[in-house]
Amino acid sequence: MALRYGRAPRVERCRIALPHGHYKTTTITAALRATGLIARTVFDGATNGMRFRAYVTDTLVSVVR
């Protein structure tokens, strides 16, 4: 994270370019047992219903059985 405020000499203006709005969303989905994490999956972007259903059918079902 970048600071929102800066310092400059008394007669000069503080000019700092800050990055904003350019980020990447990564979603981590996992199942938890008493022995630890199982069926971990990482998605680029947000998780929607279709991605969660794919996680359950492709990853989680095969590990739980």
N, C-alpha and C. Protein backbone atom coordinates (compact mmCIF):
# COMPACT_ATOMS: atom_id res chain seq x y z
N MET A 1 0.84 -1.17 0.00
CA MET A 1 0.00 0.00 0.00
C MET A 1 0.88 1.23 0.00
N ALA A 2 0.41 2.25 -0.64
CA ALA A 2 1.15 3.50 -0.73
C ALA A 2 0.56 4.52 0.25
N LEU A 3 1.39 5.40 0.72
CA LEU A 3 0.94 6.46 1.61
C LEU A 3 0.08 7.46 0.85
N ARG A 4 -0.91 8.01 1.50
CA ARG A 4 -1.78 8.99 0.86
C ARG A 4 -1.26 10.41 1.04
N TYR A 5 -0.34 10.61 1.95
CA TYR A 5 0.18 11.94 2.23
C TYR A 5 1.69 11.93 2.13
N GLY A 6 2.28 13.05 1.74
CA GLY A 6 3.72 13.15 1.62
C GLY A 6 4.22 14.46 2.21
N ARG A 7 5.53 14.65 2.15
CA ARG A 7 6.14 15.86 2.67
C ARG A 7 6.96 16.51 1.57
N ALA A 8 7.02 17.82 1.58
CA ALA A 8 7.80 18.59 0.61
C ALA A 8 8.29 19.86 1.31
N PRO A 9 9.33 20.50 0.75
CA PRO A 9 9.76 21.78 1.31
C PRO A 9 8.59 22.78 1.34
N ARG A 10 8.70 23.79 2.19
CA ARG A 10 7.60 24.71 2.46
C ARG A 10 7.01 25.36 1.21
N VAL A 11 7.81 25.73 0.24
CA VAL A 11 7.29 26.44 -0.93
C VAL A 11 6.97 25.52 -2.10
N GLU A 12 7.27 24.24 -1.96
CA GLU A 12 7.02 23.31 -3.07
C GLU A 12 5.82 22.42 -2.77
N ARG A 13 5.19 22.00 -3.84
CA ARG A 13 4.05 21.10 -3.71
C ARG A 13 4.53 19.65 -3.76
N CYS A 14 3.93 18.81 -2.96
CA CYS A 14 4.28 17.40 -2.95
C CYS A 14 3.52 16.70 -4.08
N ARG A 15 4.26 16.16 -5.04
CA ARG A 15 3.64 15.47 -6.17
C ARG A 15 4.13 14.03 -6.21
N ILE A 16 3.23 13.12 -5.99
CA ILE A 16 3.57 11.70 -5.98
C ILE A 16 2.53 10.96 -6.83
N ALA A 17 3.00 10.14 -7.74
CA ALA A 17 2.08 9.32 -8.54
C ALA A 17 1.81 8.03 -7.79
N LEU A 18 0.55 7.72 -7.60
CA LEU A 18 0.16 6.51 -6.89
C LEU A 18 -0.54 5.55 -7.85
N PRO A 19 -0.23 4.27 -7.77
CA PRO A 19 -0.97 3.31 -8.59
C PRO A 19 -2.38 3.12 -8.02
N HIS A 20 -3.36 3.07 -8.89
CA HIS A 20 -4.72 2.85 -8.42
C HIS A 20 -5.54 2.17 -9.52
N GLY A 21 -6.38 1.27 -9.11
CA GLY A 21 -7.30 0.63 -10.03
C GLY A 21 -6.72 -0.48 -10.89
N HIS A 22 -5.45 -0.76 -10.78
CA HIS A 22 -4.84 -1.81 -11.58
C HIS A 22 -4.44 -2.95 -10.65
N TYR A 23 -5.35 -3.83 -10.40
CA TYR A 23 -5.08 -4.93 -9.50
C TYR A 23 -5.63 -6.22 -10.09
N LYS A 24 -5.19 -7.31 -9.57
CA LYS A 24 -5.61 -8.62 -10.04
C LYS A 24 -6.27 -9.35 -8.88
N THR A 25 -7.45 -9.90 -9.12
CA THR A 25 -8.17 -10.64 -8.10
C THR A 25 -7.88 -12.12 -8.24
N THR A 26 -7.50 -12.74 -7.15
CA THR A 26 -7.25 -14.17 -7.12
C THR A 26 -8.08 -14.77 -5.98
N THR A 27 -8.81 -15.83 -6.28
CA THR A 27 -9.65 -16.49 -5.28
C THR A 27 -9.06 -17.85 -4.93
N ILE A 28 -8.93 -18.10 -3.64
CA ILE A 28 -8.44 -19.39 -3.15
C ILE A 28 -9.61 -20.09 -2.46
N THR A 29 -9.93 -21.30 -2.93
CA THR A 29 -11.02 -22.08 -2.35
C THR A 29 -10.44 -23.39 -1.84
N ALA A 30 -10.80 -23.77 -0.61
CA ALA A 30 -10.26 -25.00 -0.03
C ALA A 30 -11.29 -25.60 0.92
N ALA A 31 -11.14 -26.89 1.16
CA ALA A 31 -11.97 -27.59 2.14
C ALA A 31 -11.10 -27.89 3.37
N LEU A 32 -11.71 -27.87 4.54
CA LEU A 32 -10.98 -28.04 5.79
C LEU A 32 -11.46 -29.29 6.52
N ARG A 33 -10.50 -30.11 6.91
CA ARG A 33 -10.76 -31.27 7.77
C ARG A 33 -10.00 -31.07 9.07
N ALA A 34 -10.21 -31.95 10.02
CA ALA A 34 -9.48 -31.88 11.29
C ALA A 34 -7.99 -32.09 11.08
N THR A 35 -7.63 -32.81 10.01
CA THR A 35 -6.22 -33.07 9.73
C THR A 35 -5.56 -31.96 8.92
N GLY A 36 -6.33 -31.02 8.41
CA GLY A 36 -5.77 -29.91 7.65
C GLY A 36 -6.57 -29.60 6.40
N LEU A 37 -5.99 -28.78 5.54
CA LEU A 37 -6.66 -28.38 4.30
C LEU A 37 -6.60 -29.50 3.27
N ILE A 38 -7.70 -29.66 2.56
CA ILE A 38 -7.75 -30.60 1.43
C ILE A 38 -8.41 -29.88 0.27
N ALA A 39 -8.22 -30.37 -0.92
CA ALA A 39 -8.89 -29.88 -2.13
C ALA A 39 -8.71 -28.38 -2.32
N ARG A 40 -7.47 -27.94 -2.40
CA ARG A 40 -7.18 -26.52 -2.62
C ARG A 40 -7.25 -26.20 -4.11
N THR A 41 -7.84 -25.04 -4.45
CA THR A 41 -7.93 -24.59 -5.83
C THR A 41 -7.76 -23.08 -5.85
N VAL A 42 -7.09 -22.57 -6.89
CA VAL A 42 -6.88 -21.14 -7.06
C VAL A 42 -7.50 -20.73 -8.39
N PHE A 43 -8.32 -19.69 -8.37
CA PHE A 43 -8.95 -19.14 -9.57
C PHE A 43 -8.42 -17.73 -9.81
N ASP A 44 -8.20 -17.39 -11.07
CA ASP A 44 -7.94 -15.99 -11.43
C ASP A 44 -9.29 -15.30 -11.54
N GLY A 45 -9.46 -14.22 -10.82
CA GLY A 45 -10.73 -13.51 -10.83
C GLY A 45 -11.62 -13.95 -9.68
N ALA A 46 -12.84 -13.44 -9.70
CA ALA A 46 -13.79 -13.75 -8.64
C ALA A 46 -14.45 -15.10 -8.88
N THR A 47 -14.99 -15.68 -7.82
CA THR A 47 -15.69 -16.96 -7.93
C THR A 47 -17.18 -16.69 -8.12
N ASN A 48 -17.74 -17.33 -9.11
CA ASN A 48 -19.19 -17.26 -9.31
C ASN A 48 -19.76 -18.66 -9.12
N GLY A 49 -21.04 -18.83 -9.34
CA GLY A 49 -21.69 -20.12 -9.13
C GLY A 49 -21.15 -21.21 -10.02
N MET A 50 -20.83 -20.86 -11.27
CA MET A 50 -20.31 -21.84 -12.22
C MET A 50 -18.93 -22.35 -11.80
N ARG A 51 -18.07 -21.45 -11.36
CA ARG A 51 -16.73 -21.85 -10.91
C ARG A 51 -16.79 -22.67 -9.63
N PHE A 52 -17.68 -22.30 -8.71
CA PHE A 52 -17.79 -23.07 -7.47
C PHE A 52 -18.33 -24.47 -7.75
N ARG A 53 -19.29 -24.57 -8.64
CA ARG A 53 -19.82 -25.89 -9.00
C ARG A 53 -18.74 -26.75 -9.64
N ALA A 54 -17.90 -26.15 -10.49
CA ALA A 54 -16.79 -26.88 -11.10
C ALA A 54 -15.80 -27.33 -10.03
N TYR A 55 -15.54 -26.49 -9.03
CA TYR A 55 -14.65 -26.86 -7.93
C TYR A 55 -15.21 -28.07 -7.18
N VAL A 56 -16.50 -28.03 -6.88
CA VAL A 56 -17.11 -29.14 -6.13
C VAL A 56 -17.07 -30.42 -6.94
N THR A 57 -17.48 -30.38 -8.21
CA THR A 57 -17.56 -31.61 -9.00
C THR A 57 -16.19 -32.14 -9.41
N ASP A 58 -15.26 -31.26 -9.75
CA ASP A 58 -13.95 -31.71 -10.25
C ASP A 58 -12.94 -32.00 -9.14
N THR A 59 -12.93 -31.20 -8.10
CA THR A 59 -11.88 -31.30 -7.09
C THR A 59 -12.39 -31.92 -5.79
N LEU A 60 -13.43 -31.37 -5.23
CA LEU A 60 -13.86 -31.76 -3.90
C LEU A 60 -14.44 -33.18 -3.85
N VAL A 61 -15.26 -33.53 -4.80
CA VAL A 61 -15.89 -34.86 -4.79
C VAL A 61 -14.84 -35.96 -4.88
N SER A 62 -13.83 -35.77 -5.71
CA SER A 62 -12.80 -36.81 -5.85
C SER A 62 -11.96 -36.98 -4.59
N VAL A 63 -11.79 -35.93 -3.81
CA VAL A 63 -10.99 -36.01 -2.58
C VAL A 63 -11.80 -36.58 -1.42
N VAL A 64 -13.06 -36.23 -1.32
CA VAL A 64 -13.89 -36.64 -0.20
C VAL A 64 -14.23 -38.13 -0.28
N ARG A 65 -14.39 -38.66 -1.48
CA ARG A 65 -14.75 -40.08 -1.63
C ARG A 65 -13.62 -40.98 -1.28
